N, C-alpha and C. Protein backbone atom coordinates (compact mmCIF):
# COMPACT_ATOMS: atom_id res chain seq x y z
N MET A 1 -26.69 -21.92 -20.13
CA MET A 1 -25.56 -21.80 -19.47
C MET A 1 -24.09 -22.38 -19.47
N PRO A 2 -23.20 -21.21 -19.79
CA PRO A 2 -21.96 -21.23 -19.85
C PRO A 2 -21.60 -22.95 -19.07
N ASP A 3 -20.82 -23.23 -20.28
CA ASP A 3 -19.79 -24.64 -19.94
C ASP A 3 -18.45 -23.81 -18.93
N PRO A 4 -18.39 -25.15 -18.10
CA PRO A 4 -17.78 -25.06 -17.02
C PRO A 4 -15.79 -24.77 -17.86
N VAL A 5 -15.38 -24.27 -17.05
CA VAL A 5 -13.92 -23.84 -17.22
C VAL A 5 -13.21 -24.30 -16.18
N SER A 6 -11.75 -24.55 -16.39
CA SER A 6 -10.83 -25.63 -15.46
C SER A 6 -10.37 -23.48 -14.49
N TRP A 7 -9.84 -24.71 -13.09
CA TRP A 7 -9.56 -22.88 -11.85
C TRP A 7 -8.22 -22.17 -12.84
N PHE A 8 -7.71 -22.95 -13.45
CA PHE A 8 -6.14 -22.17 -14.74
C PHE A 8 -6.76 -20.92 -15.06
N LEU A 9 -8.17 -20.74 -15.00
CA LEU A 9 -8.77 -19.32 -16.15
C LEU A 9 -8.99 -18.82 -14.94
N ILE A 10 -9.07 -18.90 -13.59
CA ILE A 10 -9.85 -17.51 -12.93
C ILE A 10 -8.72 -16.81 -12.88
N GLU A 11 -9.74 -15.16 -12.39
CA GLU A 11 -8.99 -14.58 -13.04
C GLU A 11 -9.41 -13.37 -11.36
N PRO A 12 -8.48 -12.64 -10.94
CA PRO A 12 -9.19 -11.82 -9.91
C PRO A 12 -9.75 -10.46 -10.63
N GLY A 13 -10.94 -10.83 -10.05
CA GLY A 13 -11.56 -9.75 -10.59
C GLY A 13 -12.88 -10.44 -10.72
N TRP A 14 -12.97 -11.41 -11.10
CA TRP A 14 -14.14 -12.57 -11.76
C TRP A 14 -15.44 -12.13 -10.56
N LYS A 15 -16.47 -12.47 -10.75
CA LYS A 15 -17.63 -12.20 -9.44
C LYS A 15 -18.11 -13.62 -8.72
N ILE A 16 -17.80 -13.78 -7.44
CA ILE A 16 -18.53 -14.92 -6.82
C ILE A 16 -20.04 -15.10 -6.31
N VAL A 17 -20.29 -15.75 -7.12
CA VAL A 17 -22.25 -16.23 -6.44
C VAL A 17 -21.75 -17.53 -5.28
N ASP A 18 -22.95 -17.07 -4.70
CA ASP A 18 -23.21 -17.94 -3.41
C ASP A 18 -24.09 -19.30 -3.88
N ALA A 19 -24.41 -20.01 -3.14
CA ALA A 19 -25.50 -21.57 -3.42
C ALA A 19 -26.89 -20.62 -4.02
N GLY A 20 -27.32 -19.77 -3.38
CA GLY A 20 -28.87 -19.12 -3.85
C GLY A 20 -28.87 -18.18 -4.91
N GLY A 21 -27.44 -18.05 -5.58
CA GLY A 21 -27.40 -17.76 -6.99
C GLY A 21 -26.85 -15.96 -6.88
N ASP A 22 -26.56 -15.83 -5.47
CA ASP A 22 -26.21 -14.33 -5.31
C ASP A 22 -25.43 -14.03 -5.31
N GLU A 23 -24.85 -12.52 -6.38
CA GLU A 23 -23.60 -12.52 -6.35
C GLU A 23 -23.16 -11.46 -5.06
N ILE A 24 -22.12 -12.11 -4.34
CA ILE A 24 -21.60 -11.75 -3.01
C ILE A 24 -20.45 -10.99 -2.53
N GLY A 25 -19.29 -10.91 -3.98
CA GLY A 25 -17.99 -10.82 -3.65
C GLY A 25 -17.59 -10.75 -5.00
N LYS A 26 -16.19 -10.62 -4.92
CA LYS A 26 -15.04 -10.32 -6.43
C LYS A 26 -14.10 -11.80 -5.67
N VAL A 27 -13.40 -12.36 -7.25
CA VAL A 27 -12.25 -13.18 -6.92
C VAL A 27 -10.95 -12.26 -6.65
N ASP A 28 -10.20 -12.27 -5.65
CA ASP A 28 -8.87 -11.20 -4.87
C ASP A 28 -7.99 -11.85 -5.80
N GLU A 29 -7.85 -13.41 -5.07
CA GLU A 29 -6.79 -13.91 -5.32
C GLU A 29 -6.96 -15.34 -5.62
N ILE A 30 -6.19 -16.01 -6.35
CA ILE A 30 -6.46 -17.62 -6.69
C ILE A 30 -5.38 -18.33 -6.09
N LEU A 31 -5.36 -19.26 -5.24
CA LEU A 31 -4.25 -20.24 -4.28
C LEU A 31 -4.32 -21.78 -4.99
N GLY A 32 -3.04 -21.82 -5.36
CA GLY A 32 -2.88 -23.14 -5.71
C GLY A 32 -1.68 -23.03 -5.92
N ASP A 33 -1.00 -24.31 -6.61
CA ASP A 33 0.36 -25.23 -7.23
C ASP A 33 -0.34 -25.44 -9.01
N SER A 34 -0.06 -24.31 -9.58
CA SER A 34 -0.40 -24.87 -10.90
C SER A 34 -0.03 -25.83 -11.69
N ASN A 35 1.89 -26.16 -11.42
CA ASN A 35 2.67 -27.01 -12.02
C ASN A 35 2.28 -28.80 -11.53
N ALA A 36 1.67 -28.67 -10.49
CA ALA A 36 0.90 -29.88 -9.80
C ALA A 36 -0.29 -29.74 -10.21
N ASP A 37 -0.88 -28.87 -10.25
CA ASP A 37 -2.61 -29.01 -10.80
C ASP A 37 -3.52 -29.46 -9.45
N ILE A 38 -2.80 -28.48 -8.15
CA ILE A 38 -3.62 -28.12 -7.04
C ILE A 38 -4.38 -27.07 -7.02
N PHE A 39 -5.52 -27.22 -6.67
CA PHE A 39 -6.31 -26.27 -6.42
C PHE A 39 -6.39 -25.84 -4.96
N ASP A 40 -6.30 -24.97 -4.68
CA ASP A 40 -6.31 -24.74 -3.27
C ASP A 40 -7.35 -23.97 -2.62
N GLY A 41 -7.68 -23.00 -3.57
CA GLY A 41 -9.04 -21.98 -3.07
C GLY A 41 -8.71 -20.73 -3.28
N LEU A 42 -9.65 -19.77 -2.99
CA LEU A 42 -9.72 -18.35 -3.64
C LEU A 42 -9.93 -17.53 -1.98
N SER A 43 -9.32 -16.31 -2.80
CA SER A 43 -9.21 -15.44 -1.23
C SER A 43 -11.06 -14.01 -2.00
N ILE A 44 -11.78 -13.99 -1.14
CA ILE A 44 -12.75 -13.07 -2.10
C ILE A 44 -13.08 -11.73 -1.20
N SER A 45 -13.21 -11.02 -2.02
CA SER A 45 -13.30 -9.14 -1.59
C SER A 45 -14.92 -8.90 -1.66
N SER A 46 -15.44 -8.53 -0.86
CA SER A 46 -16.82 -7.83 -0.96
C SER A 46 -17.25 -6.80 0.09
N SER A 47 -18.02 -5.65 -0.24
CA SER A 47 -18.11 -4.75 0.58
C SER A 47 -19.07 -5.49 1.87
N LEU A 48 -19.61 -6.74 1.75
CA LEU A 48 -20.83 -7.35 2.94
C LEU A 48 -19.14 -7.56 3.94
N PHE A 49 -17.76 -7.80 4.39
CA PHE A 49 -17.47 -7.43 4.84
C PHE A 49 -15.63 -6.90 4.78
N PRO A 50 -15.51 -6.75 5.92
CA PRO A 50 -14.45 -5.64 6.08
C PRO A 50 -13.22 -6.27 5.64
N ARG A 51 -12.69 -7.23 5.63
CA ARG A 51 -11.59 -8.29 5.03
C ARG A 51 -11.88 -9.57 4.31
N THR A 52 -10.93 -9.28 3.45
CA THR A 52 -10.77 -10.42 2.98
C THR A 52 -11.34 -11.70 3.23
N ARG A 53 -12.15 -13.14 2.20
CA ARG A 53 -12.14 -14.22 2.86
C ARG A 53 -11.82 -15.14 2.35
N TYR A 54 -11.92 -16.24 3.04
CA TYR A 54 -10.98 -17.42 2.06
C TYR A 54 -11.93 -18.57 2.29
N ALA A 55 -11.90 -18.61 0.94
CA ALA A 55 -12.60 -19.87 0.58
C ALA A 55 -12.11 -21.27 0.02
N PRO A 56 -12.24 -22.56 0.60
CA PRO A 56 -11.17 -23.60 0.15
C PRO A 56 -11.68 -23.51 -0.97
N ALA A 57 -11.41 -24.64 -1.19
CA ALA A 57 -11.33 -25.38 -2.77
C ALA A 57 -12.78 -26.11 -2.84
N GLU A 58 -12.99 -26.86 -1.75
CA GLU A 58 -14.02 -27.84 -1.39
C GLU A 58 -15.10 -26.48 -0.96
N LEU A 59 -15.29 -25.61 -1.19
CA LEU A 59 -16.09 -24.92 -1.54
C LEU A 59 -16.98 -24.14 -2.62
N VAL A 60 -15.51 -24.66 -3.46
CA VAL A 60 -16.10 -24.25 -4.72
C VAL A 60 -17.02 -25.49 -5.64
N GLY A 61 -17.85 -25.05 -6.25
CA GLY A 61 -18.88 -25.52 -7.19
C GLY A 61 -18.48 -25.64 -8.62
N THR A 62 -19.55 -24.89 -9.64
CA THR A 62 -18.74 -24.67 -10.73
C THR A 62 -18.39 -23.44 -11.12
N ILE A 63 -17.09 -23.62 -12.14
CA ILE A 63 -16.82 -22.32 -12.75
C ILE A 63 -16.91 -22.06 -13.69
N GLU A 64 -17.19 -20.77 -14.28
CA GLU A 64 -17.43 -20.42 -15.33
C GLU A 64 -16.76 -19.05 -15.78
N GLU A 65 -16.77 -19.20 -16.98
CA GLU A 65 -16.19 -17.99 -17.47
C GLU A 65 -16.37 -16.44 -16.68
N GLY A 66 -16.16 -16.17 -16.37
CA GLY A 66 -16.60 -14.58 -15.72
C GLY A 66 -16.85 -15.03 -14.26
N SER A 67 -17.11 -16.32 -13.77
CA SER A 67 -17.75 -16.38 -12.41
C SER A 67 -17.52 -18.02 -11.42
N VAL A 68 -17.54 -17.52 -10.14
CA VAL A 68 -16.96 -18.91 -9.50
C VAL A 68 -18.17 -18.84 -8.47
N HIS A 69 -18.84 -20.26 -8.87
CA HIS A 69 -20.36 -20.28 -7.86
C HIS A 69 -19.69 -21.53 -6.54
N LEU A 70 -20.03 -20.86 -5.55
CA LEU A 70 -19.72 -21.46 -4.63
C LEU A 70 -21.16 -22.47 -4.01
N THR A 71 -20.74 -23.53 -2.98
CA THR A 71 -21.69 -24.56 -2.62
C THR A 71 -22.54 -23.95 -1.35
N VAL A 72 -22.25 -23.29 -0.85
CA VAL A 72 -22.72 -22.48 0.13
C VAL A 72 -23.03 -20.88 0.26
N ASP A 73 -24.10 -20.81 1.10
CA ASP A 73 -24.99 -19.74 1.20
C ASP A 73 -24.04 -17.73 1.36
N ARG A 74 -24.64 -16.76 1.85
CA ARG A 74 -24.20 -15.86 1.77
C ARG A 74 -23.24 -16.11 3.33
N ALA A 75 -24.11 -16.31 4.51
CA ALA A 75 -24.20 -16.42 5.52
C ALA A 75 -23.04 -17.44 6.06
N ALA A 76 -23.15 -18.31 5.32
CA ALA A 76 -21.64 -19.26 5.19
C ALA A 76 -20.21 -18.69 4.94
N VAL A 77 -20.41 -18.03 3.94
CA VAL A 77 -19.35 -17.12 3.58
C VAL A 77 -19.07 -15.74 4.55
N GLU A 78 -19.69 -14.93 5.00
CA GLU A 78 -19.42 -14.29 5.85
C GLU A 78 -18.79 -14.85 6.92
N GLY A 79 -19.12 -16.05 7.45
CA GLY A 79 -18.47 -16.99 8.34
C GLY A 79 -16.98 -17.78 8.30
N LEU A 80 -16.42 -17.49 7.17
CA LEU A 80 -15.41 -18.06 6.50
C LEU A 80 -13.88 -17.05 7.35
N ASP A 81 -13.36 -17.91 7.96
CA ASP A 81 -11.51 -17.33 8.17
C ASP A 81 -11.46 -16.15 6.99
N GLU A 82 -10.54 -15.12 7.86
CA GLU A 82 -10.27 -13.86 7.27
C GLU A 82 -9.14 -14.31 6.27
N PHE A 83 -8.73 -14.27 5.26
CA PHE A 83 -7.69 -14.68 4.18
C PHE A 83 -6.11 -13.98 4.81
N LYS A 84 -5.56 -14.95 5.13
CA LYS A 84 -3.61 -14.46 5.24
C LYS A 84 -3.31 -14.93 4.20
N GLU A 85 -2.05 -13.94 3.60
CA GLU A 85 -1.57 -14.03 2.93
C GLU A 85 0.07 -15.30 3.03
N PRO A 86 -0.18 -16.50 1.85
CA PRO A 86 0.46 -17.42 2.72
C PRO A 86 2.53 -16.86 3.00
N PRO A 87 2.84 -17.70 3.36
CA PRO A 87 4.36 -17.30 3.00
C PRO A 87 4.69 -17.87 2.17
N VAL A 88 5.99 -17.05 1.60
CA VAL A 88 7.02 -16.89 0.68
C VAL A 88 7.36 -18.23 0.51
N GLN A 89 7.44 -18.80 -0.59
CA GLN A 89 8.09 -20.54 -0.56
C GLN A 89 9.27 -20.12 -1.24
N GLU A 90 9.49 -19.14 -2.20
CA GLU A 90 10.72 -19.20 -2.90
C GLU A 90 10.58 -17.50 -3.09
N ARG A 91 12.31 -17.44 -3.10
CA ARG A 91 12.84 -16.07 -3.54
C ARG A 91 12.96 -16.46 -5.28
N ILE A 92 12.73 -15.05 -6.00
CA ILE A 92 13.12 -14.97 -7.18
C ILE A 92 14.20 -13.94 -7.19
N THR A 93 15.17 -14.56 -7.81
CA THR A 93 16.45 -13.43 -7.88
C THR A 93 16.72 -13.48 -9.22
N SER A 94 17.08 -12.22 -9.57
CA SER A 94 17.23 -11.04 -11.02
C SER A 94 18.46 -12.53 -11.73
N GLU A 95 18.56 -12.64 -12.77
CA GLU A 95 19.76 -13.53 -13.47
C GLU A 95 20.83 -11.95 -13.66
N SER A 96 20.36 -11.42 -13.63
CA SER A 96 21.09 -9.96 -14.20
C SER A 96 21.71 -9.45 -12.61
N SER A 97 21.92 -10.31 -11.67
CA SER A 97 22.53 -10.06 -10.37
C SER A 97 23.84 -10.83 -10.21
N SER A 98 25.07 -10.76 -9.40
CA SER A 98 26.23 -11.72 -9.29
C SER A 98 25.85 -12.85 -8.80
N ALA A 99 26.63 -13.75 -9.05
CA ALA A 99 26.33 -15.24 -8.61
C ALA A 99 26.81 -15.04 -7.41
N PHE A 100 27.50 -13.84 -6.54
CA PHE A 100 28.20 -13.98 -5.21
C PHE A 100 27.01 -13.07 -4.53
N ARG A 101 26.14 -12.42 -5.10
CA ARG A 101 24.88 -11.63 -4.84
C ARG A 101 23.80 -12.97 -4.30
N ARG A 102 23.66 -13.95 -5.20
CA ARG A 102 22.78 -14.85 -5.25
C ARG A 102 22.90 -15.64 -4.58
N MET A 103 24.09 -15.74 -4.27
CA MET A 103 24.44 -16.59 -3.20
C MET A 103 24.27 -16.35 -1.39
N LEU A 104 24.91 -14.81 -1.74
CA LEU A 104 24.47 -14.32 -0.33
C LEU A 104 22.67 -14.42 -0.26
N GLU A 105 21.79 -13.94 -0.87
CA GLU A 105 20.51 -14.21 -0.69
C GLU A 105 19.90 -15.66 -0.61
N ARG A 106 20.92 -16.73 -1.04
CA ARG A 106 20.15 -17.92 -0.62
C ARG A 106 20.22 -18.06 0.44
N LEU A 107 21.37 -17.79 0.79
CA LEU A 107 21.28 -17.79 2.55
C LEU A 107 20.81 -16.62 3.96
N GLY A 108 19.88 -15.87 3.19
CA GLY A 108 19.54 -15.13 3.70
C GLY A 108 20.15 -13.72 4.48
N LEU A 109 21.53 -13.84 3.39
CA LEU A 109 22.57 -12.91 4.07
C LEU A 109 22.68 -11.77 3.31
N ALA A 110 21.98 -11.33 2.35
CA ALA A 110 21.80 -10.36 1.18
C ALA A 110 21.13 -8.76 2.04
N GLY A 111 21.92 -8.05 2.00
CA GLY A 111 21.69 -6.59 2.39
C GLY A 111 21.58 -6.45 4.00
N ARG A 112 21.98 -7.35 4.69
CA ARG A 112 22.64 -7.39 5.98
C ARG A 112 23.78 -6.35 5.93
N ARG A 113 24.16 -5.42 7.20
CA ARG A 113 25.77 -4.62 6.80
C ARG A 113 26.16 -5.10 8.46
């Protein structure tokens, strides 16, 4: 059995394995705050369900290179909430834009006419 790894290493495309050891999907997105080392959860894509599902960190068991093992079975994963993109927390502006433009963007006025 491979050694466990940190959530920081999880990448989109890694397989998701249920509590019974069956592959049930792939990692679509990893959610968390890497600066504060807070792992929030994963979005899971699979042909088993039409939309991605959100698995909170509490359902994640062992993380190994290339795979994430959940502590619940397939039926529980199918019953998880649909993943909804979190709201944007920070707007990144280009350093090459003018100071005036950056100020307008911070005020939410950029692009208005």
